[in-house]
C-alpha atoms as a PDB file:
ATOM      1  CA  MET A   1      58.660  27.398  -0.176  1.00  0.00           C
ATOM      2  CA  PHE A   2      55.786  25.257   0.947  1.00  0.00           C
ATOM      3  CA  ASN A   3      53.260  25.870   3.703  1.00  0.00           C
ATOM      4  CA  LYS A   4      54.309  22.672   5.506  1.00  0.00           C
ATOM      5  CA  ASN A   5      52.163  23.162   8.573  1.00  0.00           C
ATOM      6  CA  ASN A   6      50.558  19.608   8.925  1.00  0.00           C
ATOM      7  CA  ALA A   7      50.936  19.425   5.066  1.00  0.00           C
ATOM      8  CA  LEU A   8      50.722  15.609   4.746  1.00  0.00           C
ATOM      9  CA  GLU A   9      47.587  15.466   6.998  1.00  0.00           C
ATOM     10  CA  ARG A  10      45.906  18.292   5.123  1.00  0.00           C
ATOM     11  CA  ILE A  11      46.522  16.902   1.624  1.00  0.00           C
ATOM     12  CA  LYS A  12      45.438  13.434   2.565  1.00  0.00           C
ATOM     13  CA  GLN A  13      42.040  14.789   3.413  1.00  0.00           C
ATOM     14  CA  LEU A  14      41.611  16.335  -0.002  1.00  0.00           C
ATOM     15  CA  ASP A  15      41.534  13.132  -1.965  1.00  0.00           C
ATOM     16  CA  ASN A  16      38.518  11.496  -0.407  1.00  0.00           C
ATOM     17  CA  ASN A  17      36.145  10.562  -3.201  1.00  0.00           C
ATOM     18  CA  THR A  18      38.350  11.764  -5.936  1.00  0.00           C
ATOM     19  CA  ILE A  19      40.157  10.042  -8.851  1.00  0.00           C
ATOM     20  CA  ALA A  20      43.375  10.081  -6.818  1.00  0.00           C
ATOM     21  CA  GLY A  21      41.718   8.209  -4.045  1.00  0.00           C
ATOM     22  CA  HIS A  22      40.107   5.678  -6.406  1.00  0.00           C
ATOM     23  CA  LEU A  23      43.574   5.049  -7.979  1.00  0.00           C
ATOM     24  CA  GLY A  24      45.272   4.557  -4.561  1.00  0.00           C
ATOM     25  CA  ILE A  25      47.516   7.548  -4.803  1.00  0.00           C
ATOM     26  CA  GLU A  26      49.316   8.207  -1.536  1.00  0.00           C
ATOM     27  CA  TYR A  27      51.350  11.255  -0.493  1.00  0.00           C
ATOM     28  CA  LEU A  28      54.705  10.381   1.000  1.00  0.00           C
ATOM     29  CA  GLU A  29      56.809  13.452   1.535  1.00  0.00           C
ATOM     30  CA  VAL A  30      56.799  17.278   1.280  1.00  0.00           C
ATOM     31  CA  GLY A  31      60.321  18.576   1.093  1.00  0.00           C
ATOM     32  CA  ASP A  32      61.766  22.115   0.845  1.00  0.00           C
ATOM     33  CA  ASP A  33      61.000  22.286  -2.891  1.00  0.00           C
ATOM     34  CA  TYR A  34      59.357  19.044  -3.883  1.00  0.00           C
ATOM     35  CA  VAL A  35      56.346  16.790  -3.223  1.00  0.00           C
ATOM     36  CA  ILE A  36      56.388  12.965  -3.627  1.00  0.00           C
ATOM     37  CA  ALA A  37      53.478  10.690  -3.975  1.00  0.00           C
ATOM     38  CA  ARG A  38      53.118   7.068  -5.095  1.00  0.00           C
ATOM     39  CA  MET A  39      50.518   5.063  -7.002  1.00  0.00           C
ATOM     40  CA  PRO A  40      50.037   1.305  -7.269  1.00  0.00           C
ATOM     41  CA  VAL A  41      50.384  -0.478 -10.584  1.00  0.00           C
ATOM     42  CA  ASP A  42      47.481  -2.963 -10.431  1.00  0.00           C
ATOM     43  CA  HIS A  43      44.036  -3.585 -11.951  1.00  0.00           C
ATOM     44  CA  ARG A  44      42.963   0.015 -11.321  1.00  0.00           C
ATOM     45  CA  THR A  45      45.878   1.518 -13.275  1.00  0.00           C
ATOM     46  CA  HIS A  46      46.518  -1.033 -15.977  1.00  0.00           C
ATOM     47  CA  GLN A  47      45.673  -0.713 -19.592  1.00  0.00           C
ATOM     48  CA  PRO A  48      44.275  -3.814 -21.452  1.00  0.00           C
ATOM     49  CA  PHE A  49      47.733  -5.326 -22.057  1.00  0.00           C
ATOM     50  CA  GLY A  50      48.565  -5.462 -18.375  1.00  0.00           C
ATOM     51  CA  ILE A  51      50.963  -2.593 -18.085  1.00  0.00           C
ATOM     52  CA  LEU A  52      50.600   0.876 -16.463  1.00  0.00           C
ATOM     53  CA  HIS A  53      48.071   3.029 -18.347  1.00  0.00           C
ATOM     54  CA  GLY A  54      49.590   6.298 -19.675  1.00  0.00           C
ATOM     55  CA  GLY A  55      46.496   8.105 -18.491  1.00  0.00           C
ATOM     56  CA  ALA A  56      47.074   6.850 -14.969  1.00  0.00           C
ATOM     57  CA  SER A  57      50.566   8.281 -15.082  1.00  0.00           C
ATOM     58  CA  VAL A  58      49.162  11.607 -16.099  1.00  0.00           C
ATOM     59  CA  VAL A  59      46.696  11.466 -13.231  1.00  0.00           C
ATOM     60  CA  LEU A  60      49.570  10.933 -10.888  1.00  0.00           C
ATOM     61  CA  ALA A  61      51.548  13.783 -12.452  1.00  0.00           C
ATOM     62  CA  GLU A  62      48.625  16.211 -12.273  1.00  0.00           C
ATOM     63  CA  THR A  63      47.745  15.152  -8.782  1.00  0.00           C
ATOM     64  CA  VAL A  64      51.200  15.662  -7.277  1.00  0.00           C
ATOM     65  CA  GLY A  65      51.832  18.925  -9.149  1.00  0.00           C
ATOM     66  CA  SER A  66      48.422  20.305  -8.138  1.00  0.00           C
ATOM     67  CA  ILE A  67      49.065  19.557  -4.540  1.00  0.00           C
ATOM     68  CA  ALA A  68      52.419  21.203  -4.822  1.00  0.00           C
ATOM     69  CA  SER A  69      50.825  24.375  -6.134  1.00  0.00           C
ATOM     70  CA  TYR A  70      48.101  24.172  -3.352  1.00  0.00           C
ATOM     71  CA  LEU A  71      50.833  23.984  -0.733  1.00  0.00           C
ATOM     72  CA  ILE A  72      52.514  27.158  -2.020  1.00  0.00           C
ATOM     73  CA  LEU A  73      49.467  29.357  -1.795  1.00  0.00           C
ATOM     74  CA  PRO A  74      48.966  31.172   1.542  1.00  0.00           C
ATOM     75  CA  GLU A  75      46.074  29.785   3.432  1.00  0.00           C
ATOM     76  CA  SER A  76      44.450  33.178   3.737  1.00  0.00           C
ATOM     77  CA  ALA A  77      44.981  34.273   0.061  1.00  0.00           C
ATOM     78  CA  HIS A  78      41.552  33.144  -1.237  1.00  0.00           C
ATOM     79  CA  GLN A  79      43.212  31.513  -4.226  1.00  0.00           C
ATOM     80  CA  TYR A  80      43.179  28.093  -5.733  1.00  0.00           C
ATOM     81  CA  ALA A  81      45.204  26.248  -8.397  1.00  0.00           C
ATOM     82  CA  VAL A  82      43.835  24.405 -11.450  1.00  0.00           C
ATOM     83  CA  GLY A  83      45.528  22.545 -14.205  1.00  0.00           C
ATOM     84  CA  LEU A  84      46.025  24.598 -17.431  1.00  0.00           C
ATOM     85  CA  ASP A  85      48.275  22.338 -19.453  1.00  0.00           C
ATOM     86  CA  ILE A  86      50.018  18.960 -19.107  1.00  0.00           C
ATOM     87  CA  ASN A  87      52.147  16.886 -21.294  1.00  0.00           C
ATOM     88  CA  ALA A  88      53.765  13.538 -20.683  1.00  0.00           C
ATOM     89  CA  ASN A  89      56.365  11.372 -22.307  1.00  0.00           C
ATOM     90  CA  HIS A  90      56.042   7.747 -21.456  1.00  0.00           C
ATOM     91  CA  ILE A  91      59.483   6.121 -21.269  1.00  0.00           C
ATOM     92  CA  ARG A  92      58.999   2.617 -19.893  1.00  0.00           C
ATOM     93  CA  GLY A  93      56.197   0.179 -19.239  1.00  0.00           C
ATOM     94  CA  VAL A  94      55.551  -1.171 -15.669  1.00  0.00           C
ATOM     95  CA  LYS A  95      53.514  -4.334 -14.913  1.00  0.00           C
ATOM     96  CA  SER A  96      53.276  -4.278 -11.031  1.00  0.00           C
ATOM     97  CA  GLY A  97      54.437  -2.647  -7.921  1.00  0.00           C
ATOM     98  CA  TRP A  98      54.477   1.118  -7.225  1.00  0.00           C
ATOM     99  CA  VAL A  99      55.439   4.156  -9.182  1.00  0.00           C
ATOM    100  CA  TYR A 100      56.592   7.399  -7.583  1.00  0.00           C
ATOM    101  CA  GLY A 101      55.875  10.857  -8.787  1.00  0.00           C
ATOM    102  CA  LYS A 102      58.117  13.728  -7.671  1.00  0.00           C
ATOM    103  CA  ALA A 103      57.013  17.240  -8.488  1.00  0.00           C
ATOM    104  CA  THR A 104      59.734  20.023  -8.569  1.00  0.00           C
ATOM    105  CA  PRO A 105      59.141  23.640  -9.589  1.00  0.00           C
ATOM    106  CA  ILE A 106      60.337  25.105 -12.871  1.00  0.00           C
ATOM    107  CA  HIS A 107      58.516  28.470 -12.458  1.00  0.00           C
ATOM    108  CA  ILE A 108      56.523  29.935  -9.610  1.00  0.00           C
ATOM    109  CA  GLY A 109      54.789  33.109 -10.608  1.00  0.00           C
ATOM    110  CA  ARG A 110      51.856  35.114  -9.408  1.00  0.00           C
ATOM    111  CA  THR A 111      49.342  33.651 -11.914  1.00  0.00           C
ATOM    112  CA  THR A 112      50.961  30.449 -13.039  1.00  0.00           C
ATOM    113  CA  HIS A 113      53.143  27.683 -11.607  1.00  0.00           C
ATOM    114  CA  VAL A 114      55.075  25.225 -13.837  1.00  0.00           C
ATOM    115  CA  TRP A 115      56.159  21.809 -12.464  1.00  0.00           C
ATOM    116  CA  GLU A 116      58.291  19.000 -13.675  1.00  0.00           C
ATOM    117  CA  ILE A 117      57.031  15.552 -12.538  1.00  0.00           C
ATOM    118  CA  ARG A 118      59.339  12.633 -12.871  1.00  0.00           C
ATOM    119  CA  ILE A 119      57.604   9.221 -12.361  1.00  0.00           C
ATOM    120  CA  THR A 120      59.898   6.371 -11.484  1.00  0.00           C
ATOM    121  CA  THR A 121      59.722   2.686 -10.505  1.00  0.00           C
ATOM    122  CA  GLU A 122      60.522   1.472  -6.991  1.00  0.00           C
ATOM    123  CA  ASP A 123      64.157   1.021  -8.149  1.00  0.00           C
ATOM    124  CA  GLY A 124      64.413   4.448  -9.608  1.00  0.00           C
ATOM    125  CA  LYS A 125      63.938   3.733 -13.310  1.00  0.00           C
ATOM    126  CA  LEU A 126      62.246   6.576 -15.220  1.00  0.00           C
ATOM    127  CA  VAL A 127      58.713   5.698 -16.371  1.00  0.00           C
ATOM    128  CA  CYS A 128      57.306   9.054 -17.427  1.00  0.00           C
ATOM    129  CA  ILE A 129      58.340  12.685 -17.422  1.00  0.00           C
ATOM    130  CA  SER A 130      55.669  15.318 -17.414  1.00  0.00           C
ATOM    131  CA  ARG A 131      55.325  19.088 -17.336  1.00  0.00           C
ATOM    132  CA  LEU A 132      52.327  20.711 -15.718  1.00  0.00           C
ATOM    133  CA  THR A 133      51.237  24.324 -15.829  1.00  0.00           C
ATOM    134  CA  MET A 134      48.839  25.420 -13.090  1.00  0.00           C
ATOM    135  CA  ALA A 135      46.668  28.522 -13.322  1.00  0.00           C
ATOM    136  CA  ILE A 136      46.360  30.457 -10.000  1.00  0.00           C
ATOM    137  CA  LEU A 137      42.829  31.798  -9.653  1.00  0.00           C
ATOM    138  CA  SER A 138      41.152  33.914  -6.996  1.00  0.00           C
ATOM    139  CA  THR A 139      37.935  32.925  -5.365  1.00  0.00           C
ATOM    140  CA  PRO A 140      35.021  35.255  -6.281  1.00  0.00           C
END
């Protein structure tokens, strides 16, 4: 499903000087039909009450889902993927450690991709569940 040729190396280059880089998001695995990244829960991702900010969870969800769409597109297709819609349900607060986002496909079409992103704690407890719709656009 994914163009896995040097996938981790290629996607790590994309986040230099982006919000994902500033928040410390790291890509861990590209599987046959999923992508996993992690994000620290620390001063960069806390809300004022010392727990993971819901917006940071949404950034992780959109980042991992966007990268998953990017990896599906053929390198020579002159296409790119942009977020069209995202929603998130925040299930549990987290104070420290890492959270892991795993994007799996719901729909892979010609002009849209839809991803489910489950964000969990280090011990697998559900923190947030998100659905992301990506628009597939052609370069001019």
